[in-house]
Amino acid sequence: MVAMTVNGAAVSVDADPETPLLYVLRNELELNGAKFGCGLGQCGACTVLVDGKAAVSCILPIAALEGRAVTTLEGLGTAEAPGPVQAAFIEEQAAQCGYCIPGMIMRTAGLLAETPEPNDEEIRAALQPNLCRCGTHMRILRAARRAAGRPSEEDNFAFVGSRPNEEGAPS
């Protein structure tokens, strides 16, 4: 039996201690925000917060979570009342297929908990472990910036390899 807190509620899980947290969240607790992507901890679709820090839940055994606090996408807000990070992603229309977005939102929430006013390099570094196959990286980066309270009009993000022209726009 593993006792932990999930989205502010105390839970006890009776499962093999080696069971990945992702399976417990989805199958036992019916929290489906974290997605199964690679099962190897390499894509970030399953990202959650453990004690406020981003963690990939597909390779994290529940035995490591005794007495710890887990926050999932569902713990940040609801469809009717999205949390600030979720709202920023909605405003920037960051999702295309949407599969990576829960992990991106959780990584952004973890970054902002540690660094409330991140610069562009810190945002990129925080989101780098998560993959997006649809190519909405620029919208995701702008959403993270918006969540940090920096409007996208100040957007200095440019595609890799491009340089701003004299007016400051990527060329």
Protein backbone atom coordinates (compact mmCIF):
# COMPACT_ATOMS: atom_id res chain seq x y z
CA MET A 1 0.00 0.00 0.00
CA VAL A 2 1.40 3.39 -1.01
CA ALA A 3 -0.03 6.53 0.57
CA MET A 4 0.38 9.82 -1.30
CA THR A 5 -1.48 12.99 -2.10
CA VAL A 6 -2.89 13.44 -5.61
CA ASN A 7 -4.28 16.84 -6.53
CA GLY A 8 -4.64 17.71 -2.86
CA ALA A 9 -6.49 14.52 -1.86
CA ALA A 10 -4.95 11.75 0.22
CA VAL A 11 -4.99 8.43 -1.61
CA SER A 12 -3.78 4.93 -0.81
CA VAL A 13 -2.89 2.69 -3.71
CA ASP A 14 -2.78 -1.07 -3.42
CA ALA A 15 -0.62 -2.07 -6.38
CA ASP A 16 2.74 -3.62 -7.07
CA PRO A 17 5.36 -1.10 -5.84
CA GLU A 18 7.02 -1.16 -9.27
CA THR A 19 3.82 -0.09 -11.05
CA PRO A 20 4.46 3.15 -12.93
CA LEU A 21 2.59 6.16 -11.58
CA LEU A 22 1.03 6.74 -15.01
CA TYR A 23 -0.83 3.43 -14.83
CA VAL A 24 -2.12 4.20 -11.34
CA LEU A 25 -3.27 7.67 -12.37
CA ARG A 26 -5.10 6.48 -15.48
CA ASN A 27 -6.35 3.02 -14.45
CA GLU A 28 -6.93 3.27 -10.71
CA LEU A 29 -7.63 6.97 -10.12
CA GLU A 30 -9.25 7.68 -13.53
CA LEU A 31 -7.12 10.79 -14.08
CA ASN A 32 -6.46 10.77 -17.81
CA GLY A 33 -4.63 14.08 -18.29
CA ALA A 34 -1.20 12.43 -18.35
CA LYS A 35 -0.82 10.52 -21.62
CA PHE A 36 1.05 7.34 -22.49
CA GLY A 37 3.52 8.26 -25.21
CA CYS A 38 6.72 6.27 -25.31
CA GLY A 39 6.73 4.37 -22.01
CA LEU A 40 10.45 5.15 -21.71
CA GLY A 41 10.41 8.63 -20.16
CA GLN A 42 11.63 10.21 -23.38
CA CYS A 43 8.64 12.12 -24.80
CA GLY A 44 7.12 13.92 -21.80
CA ALA A 45 3.47 13.22 -22.65
CA CYS A 46 3.06 11.71 -19.17
CA THR A 47 4.60 14.62 -17.23
CA VAL A 48 3.15 15.38 -13.80
CA LEU A 49 4.46 17.34 -10.84
CA VAL A 50 5.88 15.49 -7.85
CA ASP A 51 6.41 17.82 -4.91
CA GLY A 52 6.15 20.69 -7.39
CA LYS A 53 8.79 19.42 -9.82
CA ALA A 54 8.18 17.95 -13.28
CA ALA A 55 8.51 14.17 -13.47
CA VAL A 56 7.73 11.61 -16.15
CA SER A 57 5.13 9.29 -14.69
CA CYS A 58 5.56 6.39 -17.14
CA ILE A 59 8.81 5.26 -15.50
CA LEU A 60 8.25 6.48 -11.95
CA PRO A 61 7.37 3.55 -9.67
CA ILE A 62 4.67 4.28 -7.11
CA ALA A 63 6.99 2.97 -4.36
CA ALA A 64 8.98 6.21 -4.79
CA LEU A 65 5.90 8.31 -4.02
CA GLU A 66 5.16 7.31 -0.42
CA GLY A 67 4.13 10.50 1.41
CA ARG A 68 4.71 12.73 -1.61
CA ALA A 69 2.42 15.15 -3.43
CA VAL A 70 1.48 14.51 -7.06
CA THR A 71 -0.26 17.11 -9.21
CA THR A 72 -1.78 16.18 -12.54
CA LEU A 73 -3.34 18.30 -15.27
CA GLU A 74 -6.70 17.85 -13.53
CA GLY A 75 -5.21 19.41 -10.38
CA LEU A 76 -4.45 22.69 -12.16
CA GLY A 77 -8.03 23.51 -13.16
CA THR A 78 -11.08 22.30 -15.03
CA ALA A 79 -12.55 22.83 -18.47
CA GLU A 80 -15.00 25.30 -16.92
CA ALA A 81 -12.36 27.06 -14.80
CA PRO A 82 -8.89 26.50 -16.25
CA GLY A 83 -5.88 27.40 -14.16
CA PRO A 84 -3.56 30.22 -15.28
CA VAL A 85 -1.18 27.97 -17.24
CA GLN A 86 -4.06 26.12 -18.89
CA ALA A 87 -5.70 29.45 -19.77
CA ALA A 88 -2.47 30.71 -21.37
CA PHE A 89 -2.28 27.60 -23.56
CA ILE A 90 -5.91 28.11 -24.59
CA GLU A 91 -5.35 31.81 -25.36
CA GLU A 92 -2.34 31.03 -27.55
CA GLN A 93 -4.14 28.11 -29.23
CA ALA A 94 -1.06 26.01 -28.48
CA ALA A 95 -2.67 22.64 -29.24
CA GLN A 96 -2.91 21.05 -32.62
CA CYS A 97 -3.41 17.34 -32.00
CA GLY A 98 -3.15 18.08 -28.26
CA TYR A 99 -1.32 14.93 -27.25
CA CYS A 100 1.78 16.70 -25.90
CA ILE A 101 -0.09 19.63 -24.36
CA PRO A 102 -0.80 18.13 -20.90
CA GLY A 103 2.91 17.43 -20.46
CA MET A 104 3.87 20.87 -21.77
CA ILE A 105 1.39 22.50 -19.38
CA MET A 106 2.75 20.51 -16.44
CA ARG A 107 6.37 21.38 -17.31
CA THR A 108 5.39 25.04 -17.57
CA ALA A 109 3.61 24.88 -14.20
CA GLY A 110 6.70 23.30 -12.65
CA LEU A 111 8.95 25.96 -14.15
CA LEU A 112 6.76 28.79 -12.89
CA ALA A 113 6.65 27.29 -9.39
CA GLU A 114 10.45 27.41 -9.26
CA THR A 115 11.06 30.48 -11.44
CA PRO A 116 8.04 32.83 -11.48
CA GLU A 117 9.56 35.16 -14.08
CA PRO A 118 11.57 32.93 -16.43
CA ASN A 119 13.47 34.36 -19.37
CA ASP A 120 13.22 32.85 -22.84
CA GLU A 121 16.23 30.57 -22.32
CA GLU A 122 14.75 29.20 -19.09
CA ILE A 123 11.43 28.53 -20.83
CA ARG A 124 13.13 26.69 -23.69
CA ALA A 125 15.29 24.67 -21.29
CA ALA A 126 12.29 23.68 -19.16
CA LEU A 127 10.22 22.53 -22.14
CA GLN A 128 13.09 20.87 -24.04
CA PRO A 129 12.51 17.35 -22.60
CA ASN A 130 8.96 17.26 -24.00
CA LEU A 131 8.33 16.41 -27.65
CA CYS A 132 5.70 17.91 -29.95
CA ARG A 133 5.32 16.13 -33.26
CA CYS A 134 2.83 18.59 -34.75
CA GLY A 135 5.24 21.52 -34.81
CA THR A 136 3.34 23.96 -32.60
CA HIS A 137 6.50 24.79 -30.69
CA MET A 138 6.21 28.53 -31.25
CA ARG A 139 2.66 28.63 -29.87
CA ILE A 140 3.71 26.45 -26.93
CA LEU A 141 6.61 28.79 -26.16
CA ARG A 142 4.32 31.82 -26.41
CA ALA A 143 1.82 30.11 -24.09
CA ALA A 144 4.55 29.50 -21.52
CA ARG A 145 5.58 33.13 -21.82
CA ARG A 146 1.96 34.28 -21.40
CA ALA A 147 1.59 32.05 -18.32
CA ALA A 148 4.66 33.82 -16.91
CA GLY A 149 2.89 37.16 -17.38
CA ARG A 150 4.81 38.20 -20.47
CA PRO A 151 2.56 39.05 -23.42
CA SER A 152 3.29 37.49 -26.77
CA GLU A 153 3.66 40.92 -28.38
CA GLU A 154 7.16 40.86 -26.86
CA ASP A 155 7.84 37.62 -28.72
CA ASN A 156 11.55 37.17 -29.28
CA PHE A 157 11.22 33.51 -30.14
CA ALA A 158 12.54 32.79 -33.60
CA PHE A 159 12.88 29.61 -35.58
CA VAL A 160 16.26 27.95 -35.13
CA GLY A 161 18.69 29.35 -37.64
CA SER A 162 16.78 32.55 -38.37
CA ARG A 163 17.98 35.97 -37.35
CA PRO A 164 15.84 39.02 -36.70
CA ASN A 165 15.80 41.61 -39.47
CA GLU A 166 16.22 45.32 -38.76
CA GLU A 167 12.60 45.58 -37.58
CA GLY A 168 13.15 42.70 -35.14
CA ALA A 169 11.11 40.11 -37.04
CA PRO A 170 12.66 36.76 -38.03
CA SER A 171 13.99 36.81 -41.57
